[in-house]
Amino acid sequence: MSNSRKKKNDTEAVVAEAMREVNMAMREVAQATAPLRKMSNNKNLHDIESDSLPYHEPVSSEPKIETKGGAIQIKKPGLFGNSSTTINIQSAQNIQIGNNNTMIINSSSSRRMRTRDISPPPKPAKVDKEIVRQVLASTRLLEDTDLNMVSSKFMGKQWRRTLRLVGLEDIEIESKYQDYYSNGIKEISYQCLKYWKQKNPDTATVGHLAKALCEVFHPDEVCDKFKP
């Protein structure tokens, strides 16, 4: 075989190999662009919004609240326009919607306060002054019935303060609280008073406890519950 013929064959082989590589590259491009060609044949969501719908100015994503008469209309922007909800409110005053409200109340239109809204709490029954004096001066040692009565009648929101006035330290109150908190304030208070009585067997008297309670409650209310 002559040199010229050999060169020709080598050139044809190189060209054939190059063509195969080009064909492979074209197939890969066709596969990669297939989804785009398919999308071009079908209108997507962007086409629908831009071609079919009227133009809307950009709006805030926050809902708008409009009032008219006795109705409140809440408009919230959606994908295809504003969606709204209408709420009818009748015979209502001083309604607040949203944050940072300022309310102006007209005294002539505000409802009058009912008597029971402004009435002071009832005063305890009047107790004879002599009985009050006897209870506060009593040296009778406290019994379990007295401790139960005090725990039931007087130990409420100010139970810690009351127990401090009786003579218990915060650490002692907290210890009983940890031991009996699942049983409620009444049981905690009873256990605290019982501990105080055991700690002070000679001074845990009716008079001492009554005086401490009078710092929180009305003397008539306190002395009416004790026997001198």
Protein backbone atom coordinates (compact mmCIF):
# COMPACT_ATOMS: atom_id res chain seq x y z
CA MET A 1 0.00 0.00 0.00
CA SER A 2 1.37 3.39 -1.01
CA ASN A 3 1.97 6.14 1.51
CA SER A 4 -0.73 8.35 -0.02
CA ARG A 5 -3.40 5.66 0.31
CA LYS A 6 -2.40 4.98 3.92
CA LYS A 7 -2.73 8.68 4.78
CA LYS A 8 -6.18 8.75 3.20
CA ASN A 9 -7.36 5.80 5.28
CA ASP A 10 -6.00 7.37 8.46
CA THR A 11 -7.79 10.64 7.70
CA GLU A 12 -11.11 8.88 7.07
CA ALA A 13 -10.76 7.03 10.39
CA VAL A 14 -10.18 10.29 12.27
CA VAL A 15 -13.19 11.91 10.58
CA ALA A 16 -15.41 8.92 11.37
CA GLU A 17 -14.39 9.00 15.02
CA ALA A 18 -15.08 12.73 15.18
CA MET A 19 -18.55 12.23 13.66
CA ARG A 20 -19.36 9.56 16.25
CA GLU A 21 -18.39 11.96 19.02
CA VAL A 22 -20.52 14.73 17.50
CA ASN A 23 -23.54 12.40 17.25
CA MET A 24 -23.14 11.35 20.88
CA ALA A 25 -22.91 15.00 21.95
CA MET A 26 -26.07 15.87 20.00
CA ARG A 27 -27.98 13.00 21.66
CA GLU A 28 -26.91 14.23 25.10
CA VAL A 29 -28.01 17.77 24.27
CA ALA A 30 -31.37 16.48 23.02
CA GLN A 31 -31.93 14.55 26.24
CA ALA A 32 -30.98 17.53 28.39
CA THR A 33 -33.27 19.98 26.57
CA ALA A 34 -36.28 17.65 26.30
CA PRO A 35 -38.09 19.13 29.37
CA LEU A 36 -37.62 22.65 28.02
CA ARG A 37 -39.11 21.69 24.65
CA LYS A 38 -42.04 20.05 26.39
CA MET A 39 -42.63 23.15 28.53
CA SER A 40 -42.59 25.37 25.44
CA ASN A 41 -45.50 23.35 24.02
CA ASN A 42 -47.63 23.86 27.13
CA LYS A 43 -48.49 27.13 28.88
CA ASN A 44 -47.08 27.08 32.39
CA LEU A 45 -48.30 28.98 35.42
CA HIS A 46 -46.25 32.05 34.47
CA ASP A 47 -47.89 32.12 31.02
CA ILE A 48 -51.34 31.91 32.60
CA GLU A 49 -50.66 34.73 35.01
CA SER A 50 -49.10 37.01 32.38
CA ASP A 51 -51.32 36.24 29.36
CA SER A 52 -54.78 35.48 30.72
CA LEU A 53 -55.09 37.60 33.87
CA PRO A 54 -55.32 41.38 34.15
CA TYR A 55 -52.30 43.17 35.53
CA HIS A 56 -52.30 43.89 39.25
CA GLU A 57 -50.02 46.25 41.06
CA PRO A 58 -47.81 44.48 43.61
CA VAL A 59 -49.64 44.28 46.92
CA SER A 60 -48.55 43.62 50.46
CA SER A 61 -48.89 40.09 51.77
CA GLU A 62 -50.49 41.44 54.93
CA PRO A 63 -54.31 41.15 55.12
CA LYS A 64 -56.29 44.38 54.91
CA ILE A 65 -59.20 45.09 57.23
CA GLU A 66 -62.05 47.32 56.08
CA THR A 67 -65.12 48.29 58.07
CA LYS A 68 -68.46 49.39 56.71
CA GLY A 69 -71.48 49.79 58.91
CA GLY A 70 -71.70 46.75 61.12
CA ALA A 71 -69.53 44.57 58.86
CA ILE A 72 -65.80 43.92 58.95
CA GLN A 73 -64.20 42.71 55.70
CA ILE A 74 -60.81 41.04 55.81
CA LYS A 75 -59.02 40.97 52.45
CA LYS A 76 -55.97 38.80 51.99
CA PRO A 77 -54.00 38.75 48.70
CA GLY A 78 -53.84 35.38 47.00
CA LEU A 79 -52.22 33.86 43.94
CA PHE A 80 -55.12 34.77 41.62
CA GLY A 81 -56.31 37.98 43.27
CA ASN A 82 -57.71 39.01 46.63
CA SER A 83 -59.67 36.56 48.72
CA SER A 84 -61.91 38.15 51.33
CA THR A 85 -63.84 37.14 54.42
CA THR A 86 -66.76 39.19 55.70
CA ILE A 87 -67.59 39.19 59.41
CA ASN A 88 -70.82 40.81 60.58
CA ILE A 89 -70.74 42.22 64.11
CA GLN A 90 -73.89 43.74 65.53
CA SER A 91 -74.72 45.45 68.82
CA ALA A 92 -71.09 45.52 69.91
CA GLN A 93 -68.98 48.35 71.28
CA ASN A 94 -65.29 48.97 71.90
CA ILE A 95 -64.05 46.23 69.53
CA GLN A 96 -60.31 45.99 68.91
CA ILE A 97 -58.70 44.26 65.91
CA GLY A 98 -54.95 43.92 65.37
CA ASN A 99 -52.06 45.32 67.36
CA ASN A 100 -51.25 48.79 68.70
CA ASN A 101 -54.86 49.84 69.20
CA THR A 102 -55.96 53.14 70.68
CA MET A 103 -59.43 53.08 72.18
CA ILE A 104 -61.41 56.26 72.83
CA ILE A 105 -64.34 55.62 75.12
CA ASN A 106 -67.19 58.10 75.21
CA SER A 107 -68.55 58.21 78.72
CA SER A 108 -72.01 59.04 77.44
CA SER A 109 -72.16 55.88 75.31
CA SER A 110 -70.36 53.52 77.66
CA ARG A 111 -72.56 51.22 79.62
CA ARG A 112 -73.14 52.15 83.19
CA MET A 113 -71.38 50.03 85.72
CA ARG A 114 -73.70 47.82 87.64
CA THR A 115 -73.98 48.22 91.36
CA ARG A 116 -72.37 44.88 92.05
CA ASP A 117 -69.33 45.85 89.94
CA ILE A 118 -68.43 48.79 92.18
CA SER A 119 -69.69 47.56 95.53
CA PRO A 120 -66.93 47.01 98.11
CA PRO A 121 -66.51 43.52 99.56
CA PRO A 122 -68.85 42.82 102.46
CA LYS A 123 -67.49 43.62 105.88
CA PRO A 124 -67.14 40.78 108.37
CA ALA A 125 -69.78 40.42 111.03
CA LYS A 126 -69.20 42.76 113.93
CA VAL A 127 -67.69 40.95 116.90
CA ASP A 128 -68.02 42.16 120.46
CA LYS A 129 -64.93 44.13 121.45
CA GLU A 130 -64.61 42.09 124.62
CA ILE A 131 -64.37 38.86 122.62
CA VAL A 132 -61.72 40.42 120.37
CA ARG A 133 -59.75 41.45 123.44
CA GLN A 134 -60.03 37.99 125.01
CA VAL A 135 -58.90 36.20 121.84
CA LEU A 136 -55.90 38.47 121.29
CA ALA A 137 -54.86 38.09 124.93
CA SER A 138 -55.54 34.34 125.10
CA THR A 139 -52.77 32.12 126.42
CA ARG A 140 -54.55 28.92 125.48
CA LEU A 141 -52.21 26.57 123.67
CA LEU A 142 -53.23 25.82 120.12
CA GLU A 143 -54.86 22.50 119.28
CA ASP A 144 -55.01 20.61 116.00
CA THR A 145 -58.58 21.85 115.46
CA ASP A 146 -57.28 25.43 115.59
CA LEU A 147 -54.55 24.65 113.08
CA ASN A 148 -57.02 22.98 110.72
CA MET A 149 -59.40 25.92 110.98
CA VAL A 150 -56.68 28.46 110.20
CA SER A 151 -55.40 26.39 107.26
CA SER A 152 -58.91 26.17 105.81
CA LYS A 153 -60.20 29.70 106.48
CA PHE A 154 -57.20 32.00 106.24
CA MET A 155 -54.50 30.46 104.06
CA GLY A 156 -55.04 31.78 100.54
CA LYS A 157 -52.99 34.00 98.26
CA GLN A 158 -51.02 35.46 101.18
CA TRP A 159 -50.25 32.18 102.90
CA ARG A 160 -46.47 32.69 102.81
CA ARG A 161 -46.73 36.17 104.31
CA THR A 162 -49.08 34.89 107.00
CA LEU A 163 -46.70 32.10 107.98
CA ARG A 164 -43.81 34.56 108.16
CA LEU A 165 -45.85 36.74 110.52
CA VAL A 166 -46.52 33.68 112.69
CA GLY A 167 -42.76 33.24 113.08
CA LEU A 168 -41.56 30.78 110.45
CA GLU A 169 -38.44 31.36 108.35
CA ASP A 170 -38.54 31.19 104.54
CA ILE A 171 -36.31 28.11 104.51
CA GLU A 172 -38.73 26.31 106.85
CA ILE A 173 -41.73 27.27 104.72
CA GLU A 174 -39.96 26.15 101.55
CA SER A 175 -39.03 22.81 103.10
CA LYS A 176 -42.69 22.03 103.88
CA TYR A 177 -43.71 23.29 100.47
CA GLN A 178 -41.37 20.81 98.78
CA ASP A 179 -42.67 17.97 100.94
CA TYR A 180 -46.41 18.65 100.56
CA TYR A 181 -46.90 20.78 97.43
CA SER A 182 -48.86 18.00 95.73
CA ASN A 183 -51.44 18.13 98.54
CA GLY A 184 -52.26 21.82 98.11
CA ILE A 185 -51.84 25.03 100.10
CA LYS A 186 -54.14 23.92 102.90
CA GLU A 187 -51.98 20.89 103.74
CA ILE A 188 -48.75 22.87 103.36
CA SER A 189 -50.05 25.53 105.74
CA TYR A 190 -51.22 22.94 108.26
CA GLN A 191 -47.83 21.21 108.26
CA CYS A 192 -46.05 24.56 108.66
CA LEU A 193 -48.24 25.54 111.63
CA LYS A 194 -47.81 22.10 113.16
CA TYR A 195 -44.03 22.41 112.82
CA TRP A 196 -44.13 25.88 114.37
CA LYS A 197 -46.21 24.57 117.28
CA GLN A 198 -43.76 21.72 117.91
CA LYS A 199 -40.87 24.17 117.70
CA ASN A 200 -42.51 26.57 120.20
CA PRO A 201 -44.58 24.39 122.54
CA ASP A 202 -44.88 27.06 125.23
CA THR A 203 -45.62 30.12 123.06
CA ALA A 204 -47.83 28.63 120.34
CA THR A 205 -50.95 30.23 121.77
CA VAL A 206 -54.28 31.39 120.35
CA GLY A 207 -53.35 35.00 121.09
CA HIS A 208 -50.03 34.80 119.23
CA LEU A 209 -51.57 33.25 116.13
CA ALA A 210 -54.59 35.59 116.18
CA LYS A 211 -52.34 38.67 116.33
CA ALA A 212 -50.36 37.44 113.32
CA LEU A 213 -53.57 36.84 111.36
CA CYS A 214 -54.85 40.33 112.22
CA GLU A 215 -51.89 41.75 110.27
CA VAL A 216 -53.49 40.34 107.13
CA PHE A 217 -57.21 40.06 107.93
CA HIS A 218 -59.79 42.14 109.77
CA PRO A 219 -59.68 41.52 113.56
CA ASP A 220 -63.42 40.82 113.67
CA GLU A 221 -63.02 38.15 110.98
CA VAL A 222 -60.13 36.53 112.85
CA CYS A 223 -61.49 36.61 116.40
CA ASP A 224 -64.89 35.34 115.32
CA LYS A 225 -63.29 31.99 114.42
CA PHE A 226 -61.32 31.39 117.65
CA LYS A 227 -62.31 30.33 121.10
CA PRO A 228 -60.38 32.36 123.73
